[in-house]
Amino acid sequence: MYQDVILDHYKHPRNKGALDNATHRARESNPLCGDEIAIHLLVDGSDRIVEVRFEGQGCAISQASASLLTLSVKGKTRGEASAMDRDDVLRSLGIPLSAVREACALLALQVLHRALGPGREERTS
């Protein structure tokens, strides 16, 4: 059943694409397998994530994890999203993973934390 969730989010990712008016963004890759994820967030004046998108390519687990993560963080405050951890991501996937596959699953979370970190706000002139 949970494998169906991964395949569904891989074949039909939610919130995939650019977010031109993002206030926070980051991009990372996993050099071991070539997965790439970029996270774009629109955070409002009350520090709430009102829109989120991801771009990327890679294995089913990395892309499904990014899709699921976008659903989880929309509506959360920056603090709530920053507090998300490894267990939150792995629980959303619902299947046990090897260490290598776990790295794929956690890439989107690492990118999210980087995007929400200090100094990650988009600068406009």
PDB file of N, CA and C in Angstrom:
ATOM      1  N   MET A   1       0.820  -1.197   0.000  1.00  0.00           N
ATOM      2  CA  MET A   1       0.000   0.000   0.000  1.00  0.00           C
ATOM      3  C   MET A   1       0.860   1.256   0.000  1.00  0.00           C
ATOM      4  N   TYR A   2       1.857   1.315   0.902  1.00  0.00           N
ATOM      5  CA  TYR A   2       2.687   2.511   0.956  1.00  0.00           C
ATOM      6  C   TYR A   2       3.546   2.649  -0.291  1.00  0.00           C
ATOM      7  N   GLN A   3       3.911   1.514  -0.897  1.00  0.00           N
ATOM      8  CA  GLN A   3       4.638   1.611  -2.152  1.00  0.00           C
ATOM      9  C   GLN A   3       3.777   2.299  -3.200  1.00  0.00           C
ATOM     10  N   ASP A   4       2.474   2.107  -3.111  1.00  0.00           N
ATOM     11  CA  ASP A   4       1.557   2.793  -4.020  1.00  0.00           C
ATOM     12  C   ASP A   4       1.623   4.304  -3.823  1.00  0.00           C
ATOM     13  N   VAL A   5       1.770   4.742  -2.577  1.00  0.00           N
ATOM     14  CA  VAL A   5       1.891   6.178  -2.281  1.00  0.00           C
ATOM     15  C   VAL A   5       3.144   6.733  -2.946  1.00  0.00           C
ATOM     16  N   ILE A   6       4.253   6.024  -2.812  1.00  0.00           N
ATOM     17  CA  ILE A   6       5.511   6.480  -3.415  1.00  0.00           C
ATOM     18  C   ILE A   6       5.370   6.552  -4.932  1.00  0.00           C
ATOM     19  N   LEU A   7       4.829   5.521  -5.533  1.00  0.00           N
ATOM     20  CA  LEU A   7       4.672   5.519  -6.993  1.00  0.00           C
ATOM     21  C   LEU A   7       3.715   6.609  -7.458  1.00  0.00           C
ATOM     22  N   ASP A   8       2.643   6.834  -6.709  1.00  0.00           N
ATOM     23  CA  ASP A   8       1.693   7.883  -7.074  1.00  0.00           C
ATOM     24  C   ASP A   8       2.359   9.257  -7.038  1.00  0.00           C
ATOM     25  N   HIS A   9       3.106   9.539  -5.978  1.00  0.00           N
ATOM     26  CA  HIS A   9       3.762  10.847  -5.869  1.00  0.00           C
ATOM     27  C   HIS A   9       4.918  10.989  -6.863  1.00  0.00           C
ATOM     28  N   TYR A  10       5.524   9.875  -7.251  1.00  0.00           N
ATOM     29  CA  TYR A  10       6.582   9.928  -8.259  1.00  0.00           C
ATOM     30  C   TYR A  10       5.986  10.189  -9.646  1.00  0.00           C
ATOM     31  N   LYS A  11       4.920   9.476  -9.975  1.00  0.00           N
ATOM     32  CA  LYS A  11       4.311   9.623 -11.300  1.00  0.00           C
ATOM     33  C   LYS A  11       3.459  10.888 -11.420  1.00  0.00           C
ATOM     34  N   HIS A  12       2.891  11.323 -10.310  1.00  0.00           N
ATOM     35  CA  HIS A  12       2.004  12.496 -10.285  1.00  0.00           C
ATOM     36  C   HIS A  12       2.414  13.410  -9.130  1.00  0.00           C
ATOM     37  N   PRO A  13       3.597  14.019  -9.230  1.00  0.00           N
ATOM     38  CA  PRO A  13       4.082  14.827  -8.103  1.00  0.00           C
ATOM     39  C   PRO A  13       3.193  16.037  -7.839  1.00  0.00           C
ATOM     40  N   ARG A  14       3.020  16.321  -6.576  1.00  0.00           N
ATOM     41  CA  ARG A  14       2.262  17.501  -6.164  1.00  0.00           C
ATOM     42  C   ARG A  14       3.220  18.667  -6.013  1.00  0.00           C
ATOM     43  N   ASN A  15       2.761  19.837  -6.384  1.00  0.00           N
ATOM     44  CA  ASN A  15       3.521  21.082  -6.186  1.00  0.00           C
ATOM     45  C   ASN A  15       4.871  21.079  -6.894  1.00  0.00           C
ATOM     46  N   LYS A  16       4.948  20.452  -8.050  1.00  0.00           N
ATOM     47  CA  LYS A  16       6.202  20.437  -8.797  1.00  0.00           C
ATOM     48  C   LYS A  16       6.209  21.589  -9.791  1.00  0.00           C
ATOM     49  N   GLY A  17       7.312  22.304  -9.818  1.00  0.00           N
ATOM     50  CA  GLY A  17       7.466  23.416 -10.740  1.00  0.00           C
ATOM     51  C   GLY A  17       8.077  24.613 -10.045  1.00  0.00           C
ATOM     52  N   ALA A  18       8.321  25.646 -10.807  1.00  0.00           N
ATOM     53  CA  ALA A  18       8.955  26.859 -10.280  1.00  0.00           C
ATOM     54  C   ALA A  18       7.937  27.700  -9.511  1.00  0.00           C
ATOM     55  N   LEU A  19       8.448  28.536  -8.637  1.00  0.00           N
ATOM     56  CA  LEU A  19       7.640  29.514  -7.908  1.00  0.00           C
ATOM     57  C   LEU A  19       8.372  30.842  -8.036  1.00  0.00           C
ATOM     58  N   ASP A  20       7.955  31.626  -9.022  1.00  0.00           N
ATOM     59  CA  ASP A  20       8.678  32.849  -9.364  1.00  0.00           C
ATOM     60  C   ASP A  20       8.739  33.864  -8.235  1.00  0.00           C
ATOM     61  N   ASN A  21       7.713  33.918  -7.400  1.00  0.00           N
ATOM     62  CA  ASN A  21       7.695  34.916  -6.328  1.00  0.00           C
ATOM     63  C   ASN A  21       8.144  34.347  -4.982  1.00  0.00           C
ATOM     64  N   ALA A  22       8.962  33.303  -5.019  1.00  0.00           N
ATOM     65  CA  ALA A  22       9.450  32.679  -3.785  1.00  0.00           C
ATOM     66  C   ALA A  22      10.230  33.678  -2.937  1.00  0.00           C
ATOM     67  N   THR A  23      10.054  33.570  -1.635  1.00  0.00           N
ATOM     68  CA  THR A  23      10.822  34.391  -0.696  1.00  0.00           C
ATOM     69  C   THR A  23      12.028  33.637  -0.158  1.00  0.00           C
ATOM     70  N   HIS A  24      12.009  32.319  -0.256  1.00  0.00           N
ATOM     71  CA  HIS A  24      13.096  31.466   0.222  1.00  0.00           C
ATOM     72  C   HIS A  24      13.284  30.347  -0.792  1.00  0.00           C
ATOM     73  N   ARG A  25      14.534  29.997  -1.044  1.00  0.00           N
ATOM     74  CA  ARG A  25      14.796  28.882  -1.948  1.00  0.00           C
ATOM     75  C   ARG A  25      16.178  28.307  -1.689  1.00  0.00           C
ATOM     76  N   ALA A  26      16.323  27.048  -2.027  1.00  0.00           N
ATOM     77  CA  ALA A  26      17.619  26.372  -1.928  1.00  0.00           C
ATOM     78  C   ALA A  26      17.602  25.184  -2.875  1.00  0.00           C
ATOM     79  N   ARG A  27      18.798  24.723  -3.197  1.00  0.00           N
ATOM     80  CA  ARG A  27      18.957  23.589  -4.119  1.00  0.00           C
ATOM     81  C   ARG A  27      20.135  22.757  -3.620  1.00  0.00           C
ATOM     82  N   GLU A  28      19.982  21.450  -3.696  1.00  0.00           N
ATOM     83  CA  GLU A  28      21.076  20.537  -3.352  1.00  0.00           C
ATOM     84  C   GLU A  28      20.959  19.292  -4.210  1.00  0.00           C
ATOM     85  N   SER A  29      22.055  18.555  -4.241  1.00  0.00           N
ATOM     86  CA  SER A  29      22.043  17.277  -4.950  1.00  0.00           C
ATOM     87  C   SER A  29      22.731  16.230  -4.094  1.00  0.00           C
ATOM     88  N   ASN A  30      22.455  14.995  -4.412  1.00  0.00           N
ATOM     89  CA  ASN A  30      23.097  13.864  -3.757  1.00  0.00           C
ATOM     90  C   ASN A  30      24.124  13.325  -4.743  1.00  0.00           C
ATOM     91  N   PRO A  31      25.412  13.574  -4.500  1.00  0.00           N
ATOM     92  CA  PRO A  31      26.431  13.161  -5.468  1.00  0.00           C
ATOM     93  C   PRO A  31      26.549  11.646  -5.632  1.00  0.00           C
ATOM     94  N   LEU A  32      26.064  10.878  -4.669  1.00  0.00           N
ATOM     95  CA  LEU A  32      26.169   9.426  -4.763  1.00  0.00           C
ATOM     96  C   LEU A  32      25.231   8.833  -5.806  1.00  0.00           C
ATOM     97  N   CYS A  33      24.046   9.453  -5.962  1.00  0.00           N
ATOM     98  CA  CYS A  33      23.077   8.868  -6.901  1.00  0.00           C
ATOM     99  C   CYS A  33      22.588   9.855  -7.957  1.00  0.00           C
ATOM    100  N   GLY A  34      22.948  11.126  -7.826  1.00  0.00           N
ATOM    101  CA  GLY A  34      22.567  12.109  -8.830  1.00  0.00           C
ATOM    102  C   GLY A  34      21.221  12.773  -8.620  1.00  0.00           C
ATOM    103  N   ASP A  35      20.527  12.458  -7.521  1.00  0.00           N
ATOM    104  CA  ASP A  35      19.251  13.127  -7.238  1.00  0.00           C
ATOM    105  C   ASP A  35      19.487  14.616  -7.035  1.00  0.00           C
ATOM    106  N   GLU A  36      18.569  15.432  -7.533  1.00  0.00           N
ATOM    107  CA  GLU A  36      18.628  16.888  -7.358  1.00  0.00           C
ATOM    108  C   GLU A  36      17.259  17.384  -6.928  1.00  0.00           C
ATOM    109  N   ILE A  37      17.256  18.291  -5.942  1.00  0.00           N
ATOM    110  CA  ILE A  37      16.008  18.887  -5.460  1.00  0.00           C
ATOM    111  C   ILE A  37      16.234  20.375  -5.239  1.00  0.00           C
ATOM    112  N   ALA A  38      15.279  21.177  -5.675  1.00  0.00           N
ATOM    113  CA  ALA A  38      15.222  22.604  -5.335  1.00  0.00           C
ATOM    114  C   ALA A  38      13.870  22.836  -4.672  1.00  0.00           C
ATOM    115  N   ILE A  39      13.874  23.589  -3.590  1.00  0.00           N
ATOM    116  CA  ILE A  39      12.642  23.935  -2.874  1.00  0.00           C
ATOM    117  C   ILE A  39      12.455  25.440  -2.969  1.00  0.00           C
ATOM    118  N   HIS A  40      11.249  25.868  -3.316  1.00  0.00           N
ATOM    119  CA  HIS A  40      10.885  27.285  -3.406  1.00  0.00           C
ATOM    120  C   HIS A  40       9.716  27.519  -2.453  1.00  0.00           C
ATOM    121  N   LEU A  41       9.849  28.513  -1.576  1.00  0.00           N
ATOM    122  CA  LEU A  41       8.821  28.798  -0.577  1.00  0.00           C
ATOM    123  C   LEU A  41       8.379  30.245  -0.664  1.00  0.00           C
ATOM    124  N   LEU A  42       7.114  30.471  -0.467  1.00  0.00           N
ATOM    125  CA  LEU A  42       6.581  31.817  -0.302  1.00  0.00           C
ATOM    126  C   LEU A  42       6.114  31.912   1.144  1.00  0.00           C
ATOM    127  N   VAL A  43       6.829  32.730   1.922  1.00  0.00           N
ATOM    128  CA  VAL A  43       6.537  32.909   3.342  1.00  0.00           C
ATOM    129  C   VAL A  43       5.927  34.293   3.516  1.00  0.00           C
ATOM    130  N   ASP A  44       4.779  34.354   4.203  1.00  0.00           N
ATOM    131  CA  ASP A  44       4.098  35.642   4.365  1.00  0.00           C
ATOM    132  C   ASP A  44       4.639  36.414   5.573  1.00  0.00           C
ATOM    133  N   GLY A  45       4.062  37.579   5.820  1.00  0.00           N
ATOM    134  CA  GLY A  45       4.519  38.456   6.891  1.00  0.00           C
ATOM    135  C   GLY A  45       4.365  37.880   8.285  1.00  0.00           C
ATOM    136  N   SER A  46       3.506  36.877   8.443  1.00  0.00           N
ATOM    137  CA  SER A  46       3.356  36.237   9.751  1.00  0.00           C
ATOM    138  C   SER A  46       4.204  34.967   9.849  1.00  0.00           C
ATOM    139  N   ASP A  47       5.176  34.841   8.950  1.00  0.00           N
ATOM    140  CA  ASP A  47       6.137  33.731   8.951  1.00  0.00           C
ATOM    141  C   ASP A  47       5.504  32.381   8.612  1.00  0.00           C
ATOM    142  N   ARG A  48       4.407  32.399   7.884  1.00  0.00           N
ATOM    143  CA  ARG A  48       3.717  31.173   7.495  1.00  0.00           C
ATOM    144  C   ARG A  48       4.016  30.851   6.030  1.00  0.00           C
ATOM    145  N   ILE A  49       4.243  29.585   5.748  1.00  0.00           N
ATOM    146  CA  ILE A  49       4.491  29.128   4.380  1.00  0.00           C
ATOM    147  C   ILE A  49       3.144  29.054   3.664  1.00  0.00           C
ATOM    148  N   VAL A  50       2.939  29.972   2.726  1.00  0.00           N
ATOM    149  CA  VAL A  50       1.649  30.022   2.031  1.00  0.00           C
ATOM    150  C   VAL A  50       1.692  29.315   0.678  1.00  0.00           C
ATOM    151  N   GLU A  51       2.890  29.104   0.152  1.00  0.00           N
ATOM    152  CA  GLU A  51       3.025  28.369  -1.107  1.00  0.00           C
ATOM    153  C   GLU A  51       4.378  27.684  -1.111  1.00  0.00           C
ATOM    154  N   VAL A  52       4.435  26.527  -1.726  1.00  0.00           N
ATOM    155  CA  VAL A  52       5.679  25.769  -1.809  1.00  0.00           C
ATOM    156  C   VAL A  52       5.680  24.992  -3.117  1.00  0.00           C
ATOM    157  N   ARG A  53       6.838  24.938  -3.734  1.00  0.00           N
ATOM    158  CA  ARG A  53       7.034  24.174  -4.969  1.00  0.00           C
ATOM    159  C   ARG A  53       8.405  23.496  -4.888  1.00  0.00           C
ATOM    160  N   PHE A  54       8.544  22.441  -5.656  1.00  0.00           N
ATOM    161  CA  PHE A  54       9.859  21.819  -5.782  1.00  0.00           C
ATOM    162  C   PHE A  54      10.137  21.534  -7.240  1.00  0.00           C
ATOM    163  N   GLU A  55      11.407  21.517  -7.551  1.00  0.00           N
ATOM    164  CA  GLU A  55      11.885  21.093  -8.863  1.00  0.00           C
ATOM    165  C   GLU A  55      12.939  20.035  -8.607  1.00  0.00           C
ATOM    166  N   GLY A  56      13.088  19.127  -9.534  1.00  0.00           N
ATOM    167  CA  GLY A  56      14.134  18.142  -9.337  1.00  0.00           C
ATOM    168  C   GLY A  56      14.014  16.970 -10.275  1.00  0.00           C
ATOM    169  N   GLN A  57      14.995  16.115 -10.121  1.00  0.00           N
ATOM    170  CA  GLN A  57      15.034  14.876 -10.877  1.00  0.00           C
ATOM    171  C   GLN A  57      15.752  13.860 -10.029  1.00  0.00           C
ATOM    172  N   GLY A  58      15.424  12.611 -10.252  1.00  0.00           N
ATOM    173  CA  GLY A  58      16.077  11.557  -9.491  1.00  0.00           C
ATOM    174  C   GLY A  58      15.174  10.354  -9.340  1.00  0.00           C
ATOM    175  N   CYS A  59      15.509   9.542  -8.372  1.00  0.00           N
ATOM    176  CA  CYS A  59      14.793   8.288  -8.161  1.00  0.00           C
ATOM    177  C   CYS A  59      13.392   8.538  -7.610  1.00  0.00           C
ATOM    178  N   ALA A  60      12.587   7.497  -7.637  1.00  0.00           N
ATOM    179  CA  ALA A  60      11.203   7.592  -7.171  1.00  0.00           C
ATOM    180  C   ALA A  60      11.136   8.040  -5.716  1.00  0.00           C
ATOM    181  N   ILE A  61      12.042   7.566  -4.886  1.00  0.00           N
ATOM    182  CA  ILE A  61      11.981   7.910  -3.464  1.00  0.00           C
ATOM    183  C   ILE A  61      12.296   9.377  -3.240  1.00  0.00           C
ATOM    184  N   SER A  62      13.310   9.915  -3.889  1.00  0.00           N
ATOM    185  CA  SER A  62      13.644  11.333  -3.674  1.00  0.00           C
ATOM    186  C   SER A  62      12.536  12.246  -4.177  1.00  0.00           C
ATOM    187  N   GLN A  63      11.962  11.920  -5.308  1.00  0.00           N
ATOM    188  CA  GLN A  63      10.928  12.773  -5.882  1.00  0.00           C
ATOM    189  C   GLN A  63       9.600  12.645  -5.124  1.00  0.00           C
ATOM    190  N   ALA A  64       9.249  11.440  -4.714  1.00  0.00           N
ATOM    191  CA  ALA A  64       8.035  11.249  -3.914  1.00  0.00           C
ATOM    192  C   ALA A  64       8.175  11.922  -2.558  1.00  0.00           C
ATOM    193  N   SER A  65       9.351  11.830  -1.978  1.00  0.00           N
ATOM    194  CA  SER A  65       9.595  12.468  -0.686  1.00  0.00           C
ATOM    195  C   SER A  65       9.437  13.981  -0.789  1.00  0.00           C
ATOM    196  N   ALA A  66       9.947  14.572  -1.859  1.00  0.00           N
ATOM    197  CA  ALA A  66       9.810  16.019  -2.063  1.00  0.00           C
ATOM    198  C   ALA A  66       8.345  16.395  -2.238  1.00  0.00           C
ATOM    199  N   SER A  67       7.613  15.615  -3.007  1.00  0.00           N
ATOM    200  CA  SER A  67       6.189  15.873  -3.223  1.00  0.00           C
ATOM    201  C   SER A  67       5.421  15.808  -1.902  1.00  0.00           C
ATOM    202  N   LEU A  68       5.646  14.753  -1.133  1.00  0.00           N
ATOM    203  CA  LEU A  68       4.981  14.601   0.165  1.00  0.00           C
ATOM    204  C   LEU A  68       5.362  15.722   1.124  1.00  0.00           C
ATOM    205  N   LEU A  69       6.632  16.125   1.095  1.00  0.00           N
ATOM    206  CA  LEU A  69       7.093  17.188   1.992  1.00  0.00           C
ATOM    207  C   LEU A  69       6.386  18.502   1.686  1.00  0.00           C
ATOM    208  N   THR A  70       6.170  18.799   0.408  1.00  0.00           N
ATOM    209  CA  THR A  70       5.486  20.058   0.080  1.00  0.00           C
ATOM    210  C   THR A  70       4.073  20.075   0.652  1.00  0.00           C
ATOM    211  N   LEU A  71       3.421  18.931   0.643  1.00  0.00           N
ATOM    212  CA  LEU A  71       2.074  18.857   1.224  1.00  0.00           C
ATOM    213  C   LEU A  71       2.117  19.064   2.732  1.00  0.00           C
ATOM    214  N   SER A  72       3.168  18.570   3.355  1.00  0.00           N
ATOM    215  CA  SER A  72       3.295  18.668   4.812  1.00  0.00           C
ATOM    216  C   SER A  72       3.592  20.077   5.295  1.00  0.00           C
ATOM    217  N   VAL A  73       4.391  20.842   4.538  1.00  0.00           N
ATOM    218  CA  VAL A  73       4.839  22.142   5.059  1.00  0.00           C
ATOM    219  C   VAL A  73       3.909  23.298   4.715  1.00  0.00           C
ATOM    220  N   LYS A  74       3.088  23.144   3.693  1.00  0.00           N
ATOM    221  CA  LYS A  74       2.195  24.247   3.325  1.00  0.00           C
ATOM    222  C   LYS A  74       1.252  24.544   4.490  1.00  0.00           C
ATOM    223  N   GLY A  75       1.228  25.817   4.900  1.00  0.00           N
ATOM    224  CA  GLY A  75       0.402  26.241   6.018  1.00  0.00           C
ATOM    225  C   GLY A  75       1.123  26.272   7.349  1.00  0.00           C
ATOM    226  N   LYS A  76       2.296  25.661   7.412  1.00  0.00           N
ATOM    227  CA  LYS A  76       3.077  25.685   8.652  1.00  0.00           C
ATOM    228  C   LYS A  76       3.858  26.994   8.755  1.00  0.00           C
ATOM    229  N   THR A  77       4.258  27.340   9.981  1.00  0.00           N
ATOM    230  CA  THR A  77       5.167  28.465  10.155  1.00  0.00           C
ATOM    231  C   THR A  77       6.572  27.997   9.806  1.00  0.00           C
ATOM    232  N   ARG A  78       7.470  28.952   9.627  1.00  0.00           N
ATOM    233  CA  ARG A  78       8.871  28.582   9.369  1.00  0.00           C
ATOM    234  C   ARG A  78       9.407  27.722  10.498  1.00  0.00           C
ATOM    235  N   GLY A  79       9.065  28.082  11.734  1.00  0.00           N
ATOM    236  CA  GLY A  79       9.537  27.312  12.887  1.00  0.00           C
ATOM    237  C   GLY A  79       9.026  25.884  12.883  1.00  0.00           C
ATOM    238  N   GLU A  80       7.755  25.709  12.569  1.00  0.00           N
ATOM    239  CA  GLU A  80       7.176  24.362  12.516  1.00  0.00           C
ATOM    240  C   GLU A  80       7.823  23.536  11.411  1.00  0.00           C
ATOM    241  N   ALA A  81       8.035  24.139  10.257  1.00  0.00           N
ATOM    242  CA  ALA A  81       8.663  23.421   9.142  1.00  0.00           C
ATOM    243  C   ALA A  81      10.120  23.106   9.454  1.00  0.00           C
ATOM    244  N   SER A  82      10.809  24.038  10.104  1.00  0.00           N
ATOM    245  CA  SER A  82      12.212  23.811  10.464  1.00  0.00           C
ATOM    246  C   SER A  82      12.355  22.689  11.485  1.00  0.00           C
ATOM    247  N   ALA A  83      11.318  22.475  12.281  1.00  0.00           N
ATOM    248  CA  ALA A  83      11.360  21.434  13.315  1.00  0.00           C
ATOM    249  C   ALA A  83      11.105  20.037  12.751  1.00  0.00           C
ATOM    250  N   MET A  84      10.683  19.952  11.505  1.00  0.00           N
ATOM    251  CA  MET A  84      10.458  18.633  10.913  1.00  0.00           C
ATOM    252  C   MET A  84      11.782  17.888  10.848  1.00  0.00           C
ATOM    253  N   ASP A  85      11.718  16.584  11.096  1.00  0.00           N
ATOM    254  CA  ASP A  85      12.955  15.815  11.136  1.00  0.00           C
ATOM    255  C   ASP A  85      12.850  14.529  10.317  1.00  0.00           C
ATOM    256  N   ARG A  86      13.921  13.783  10.387  1.00  0.00           N
ATOM    257  CA  ARG A  86      14.075  12.533   9.654  1.00  0.00           C
ATOM    258  C   ARG A  86      12.870  11.617   9.851  1.00  0.00           C
ATOM    259  N   ASP A  87      12.444  11.479  11.097  1.00  0.00           N
ATOM    260  CA  ASP A  87      11.337  10.571  11.388  1.00  0.00           C
ATOM    261  C   ASP A  87      10.043  11.006  10.704  1.00  0.00           C
ATOM    262  N   ASP A  88       9.809  12.312  10.624  1.00  0.00           N
ATOM    263  CA  ASP A  88       8.610  12.813   9.943  1.00  0.00           C
ATOM    264  C   ASP A  88       8.606  12.380   8.475  1.00  0.00           C
ATOM    265  N   VAL A  89       9.750  12.523   7.830  1.00  0.00           N
ATOM    266  CA  VAL A  89       9.852  12.174   6.406  1.00  0.00           C
ATOM    267  C   VAL A  89       9.707  10.671   6.206  1.00  0.00           C
ATOM    268  N   LEU A  90      10.438   9.893   6.985  1.00  0.00           N
ATOM    269  CA  LEU A  90      10.391   8.442   6.811  1.00  0.00           C
ATOM    270  C   LEU A  90       9.004   7.893   7.132  1.00  0.00           C
ATOM    271  N   ARG A  91       8.344   8.465   8.120  1.00  0.00           N
ATOM    272  CA  ARG A  91       6.982   8.044   8.463  1.00  0.00           C
ATOM    273  C   ARG A  91       6.021   8.316   7.292  1.00  0.00           C
ATOM    274  N   SER A  92       6.208   9.447   6.605  1.00  0.00           N
ATOM    275  CA  SER A  92       5.312   9.771   5.485  1.00  0.00           C
ATOM    276  C   SER A  92       5.471   8.775   4.336  1.00  0.00           C
ATOM    277  N   LEU A  93       6.670   8.232   4.164  1.00  0.00           N
ATOM    278  CA  LEU A  93       6.894   7.242   3.104  1.00  0.00           C
ATOM    279  C   LEU A  93       6.332   5.883   3.500  1.00  0.00           C
ATOM    280  N   GLY A  94       6.414   5.567   4.785  1.00  0.00           N
ATOM    281  CA  GLY A  94       5.755   4.386   5.310  1.00  0.00           C
ATOM    282  C   GLY A  94       6.398   3.042   5.052  1.00  0.00           C
ATOM    283  N   ILE A  95       7.602   3.019   4.503  1.00  0.00           N
ATOM    284  CA  ILE A  95       8.274   1.736   4.285  1.00  0.00           C
ATOM    285  C   ILE A  95       9.697   1.827   4.818  1.00  0.00           C
ATOM    286  N   PRO A  96      10.256   0.708   5.266  1.00  0.00           N
ATOM    287  CA  PRO A  96      11.651   0.726   5.713  1.00  0.00           C
ATOM    288  C   PRO A  96      12.580   0.929   4.515  1.00  0.00           C
ATOM    289  N   LEU A  97      13.647   1.692   4.761  1.00  0.00           N
ATOM    290  CA  LEU A  97      14.593   1.996   3.685  1.00  0.00           C
ATOM    291  C   LEU A  97      16.005   1.635   4.104  1.00  0.00           C
ATOM    292  N   SER A  98      16.814   1.238   3.139  1.00  0.00           N
ATOM    293  CA  SER A  98      18.240   1.032   3.393  1.00  0.00           C
ATOM    294  C   SER A  98      18.888   2.394   3.616  1.00  0.00           C
ATOM    295  N   ALA A  99      20.115   2.401   4.103  1.00  0.00           N
ATOM    296  CA  ALA A  99      20.819   3.663   4.367  1.00  0.00           C
ATOM    297  C   ALA A  99      20.954   4.500   3.097  1.00  0.00           C
ATOM    298  N   VAL A 100      21.226   3.864   1.977  1.00  0.00           N
ATOM    299  CA  VAL A 100      21.376   4.594   0.715  1.00  0.00           C
ATOM    300  C   VAL A 100      20.041   5.215   0.307  1.00  0.00           C
ATOM    301  N   ARG A 101      18.972   4.454   0.414  1.00  0.00           N
ATOM    302  CA  ARG A 101      17.647   4.963   0.053  1.00  0.00           C
ATOM    303  C   ARG A 101      17.172   6.021   1.036  1.00  0.00           C
ATOM    304  N   GLU A 102      17.588   5.894   2.292  1.00  0.00           N
ATOM    305  CA  GLU A 102      17.234   6.901   3.289  1.00  0.00           C
ATOM    306  C   GLU A 102      17.836   8.251   2.911  1.00  0.00           C
ATOM    307  N   ALA A 103      19.057   8.243   2.392  1.00  0.00           N
ATOM    308  CA  ALA A 103      19.687   9.493   1.945  1.00  0.00           C
ATOM    309  C   ALA A 103      18.860  10.125   0.824  1.00  0.00           C
ATOM    310  N   CYS A 104      18.327   9.306  -0.062  1.00  0.00           N
ATOM    311  CA  CYS A 104      17.460   9.817  -1.134  1.00  0.00           C
ATOM    312  C   CYS A 104      16.203  10.450  -0.547  1.00  0.00           C
ATOM    313  N   ALA A 105      15.612   9.784   0.429  1.00  0.00           N
ATOM    314  CA  ALA A 105      14.368  10.263   1.034  1.00  0.00           C
ATOM    315  C   ALA A 105      14.569  11.559   1.801  1.00  0.00           C
ATOM    316  N   LEU A 106      15.744  11.746   2.389  1.00  0.00           N
ATOM    317  CA  LEU A 106      15.983  12.905   3.252  1.00  0.00           C
ATOM    318  C   LEU A 106      16.528  14.121   2.517  1.00  0.00           C
ATOM    319  N   LEU A 107      16.827  13.985   1.234  1.00  0.00           N
ATOM    320  CA  LEU A 107      17.379  15.114   0.483  1.00  0.00           C
ATOM    321  C   LEU A 107      16.435  16.315   0.506  1.00  0.00           C
ATOM    322  N   ALA A 108      15.159  16.110   0.276  1.00  0.00           N
ATOM    323  CA  ALA A 108      14.204  17.231   0.264  1.00  0.00           C
ATOM    324  C   ALA A 108      14.152  17.933   1.617  1.00  0.00           C
ATOM    325  N   LEU A 109      14.229  17.173   2.701  1.00  0.00           N
ATOM    326  CA  LEU A 109      14.225  17.776   4.038  1.00  0.00           C
ATOM    327  C   LEU A 109      15.466  18.632   4.245  1.00  0.00           C
ATOM    328  N   GLN A 110      16.611  18.146   3.795  1.00  0.00           N
ATOM    329  CA  GLN A 110      17.849  18.930   3.908  1.00  0.00           C
ATOM    330  C   GLN A 110      17.726  20.236   3.137  1.00  0.00           C
ATOM    331  N   VAL A 111      17.141  20.170   1.958  1.00  0.00           N
ATOM    332  CA  VAL A 111      16.972  21.376   1.142  1.00  0.00           C
ATOM    333  C   VAL A 111      15.987  22.330   1.819  1.00  0.00           C
ATOM    334  N   LEU A 112      14.915  21.795   2.372  1.00  0.00           N
ATOM    335  CA  LEU A 112      13.950  22.630   3.094  1.00  0.00           C
ATOM    336  C   LEU A 112      14.631  23.363   4.243  1.00  0.00           C
ATOM    337  N   HIS A 113      15.387  22.644   5.059  1.00  0.00           N
ATOM    338  CA  HIS A 113      16.078  23.272   6.191  1.00  0.00           C
ATOM    339  C   HIS A 113      17.054  24.340   5.714  1.00  0.00           C
ATOM    340  N   ARG A 114      17.730  24.070   4.621  1.00  0.00           N
ATOM    341  CA  ARG A 114      18.660  25.066   4.077  1.00  0.00           C
ATOM    342  C   ARG A 114      17.903  26.308   3.594  1.00  0.00           C
ATOM    343  N   ALA A 115      16.778  26.104   2.929  1.00  0.00           N
ATOM    344  CA  ALA A 115      15.982  27.233   2.426  1.00  0.00           C
ATOM    345  C   ALA A 115      15.445  28.094   3.563  1.00  0.00           C
ATOM    346  N   LEU A 116      15.123  27.467   4.683  1.00  0.00           N
ATOM    347  CA  LEU A 116      14.556  28.198   5.813  1.00  0.00           C
ATOM    348  C   LEU A 116      15.612  28.758   6.752  1.00  0.00           C
ATOM    349  N   GLY A 117      16.871  28.413   6.519  1.00  0.00           N
ATOM    350  CA  GLY A 117      17.946  28.864   7.395  1.00  0.00           C
ATOM    351  C   GLY A 117      18.199  30.355   7.294  1.00  0.00           C
ATOM    352  N   PRO A 118      19.014  30.864   8.205  1.00  0.00           N
ATOM    353  CA  PRO A 118      19.317  32.304   8.204  1.00  0.00           C
ATOM    354  C   PRO A 118      19.952  32.745   6.888  1.00  0.00           C
ATOM    355  N   GLY A 119      19.524  33.896   6.422  1.00  0.00           N
ATOM    356  CA  GLY A 119      20.110  34.470   5.216  1.00  0.00           C
ATOM    357  C   GLY A 119      19.617  33.872   3.921  1.00  0.00           C
ATOM    358  N   ARG A 120      18.566  33.045   3.968  1.00  0.00           N
ATOM    359  CA  ARG A 120      18.081  32.387   2.752  1.00  0.00           C
ATOM    360  C   ARG A 120      16.952  33.153   2.078  1.00  0.00           C
ATOM    361  N   GLU A 121      16.556  34.291   2.649  1.00  0.00           N
ATOM    362  CA  GLU A 121      15.495  35.074   2.033  1.00  0.00           C
ATOM    363  C   GLU A 121      15.974  35.610   0.693  1.00  0.00           C
ATOM    364  N   GLU A 122      15.065  35.677  -0.254  1.00  0.00           N
ATOM    365  CA  GLU A 122      15.380  36.244  -1.567  1.00  0.00           C
ATOM    366  C   GLU A 122      15.578  37.747  -1.433  1.00  0.00           C
ATOM    367  N   ARG A 123      16.553  38.239  -2.095  1.00  0.00           N
ATOM    368  CA  ARG A 123      16.815  39.681  -2.087  1.00  0.00           C
ATOM    369  C   ARG A 123      16.161  40.300  -3.316  1.00  0.00           C
ATOM    370  N   THR A 124      15.450  41.387  -3.114  1.00  0.00           N
ATOM    371  CA  THR A 124      14.871  42.101  -4.251  1.00  0.00           C
ATOM    372  C   THR A 124      15.406  43.517  -4.253  1.00  0.00           C
ATOM    373  N   SER A 125      15.627  44.059  -5.434  1.00  0.00           N
ATOM    374  CA  SER A 125      16.146  45.425  -5.523  1.00  0.00           C
ATOM    375  C   SER A 125      15.079  46.358  -6.029  1.00  0.00           C
TER     376      SER A 125
END
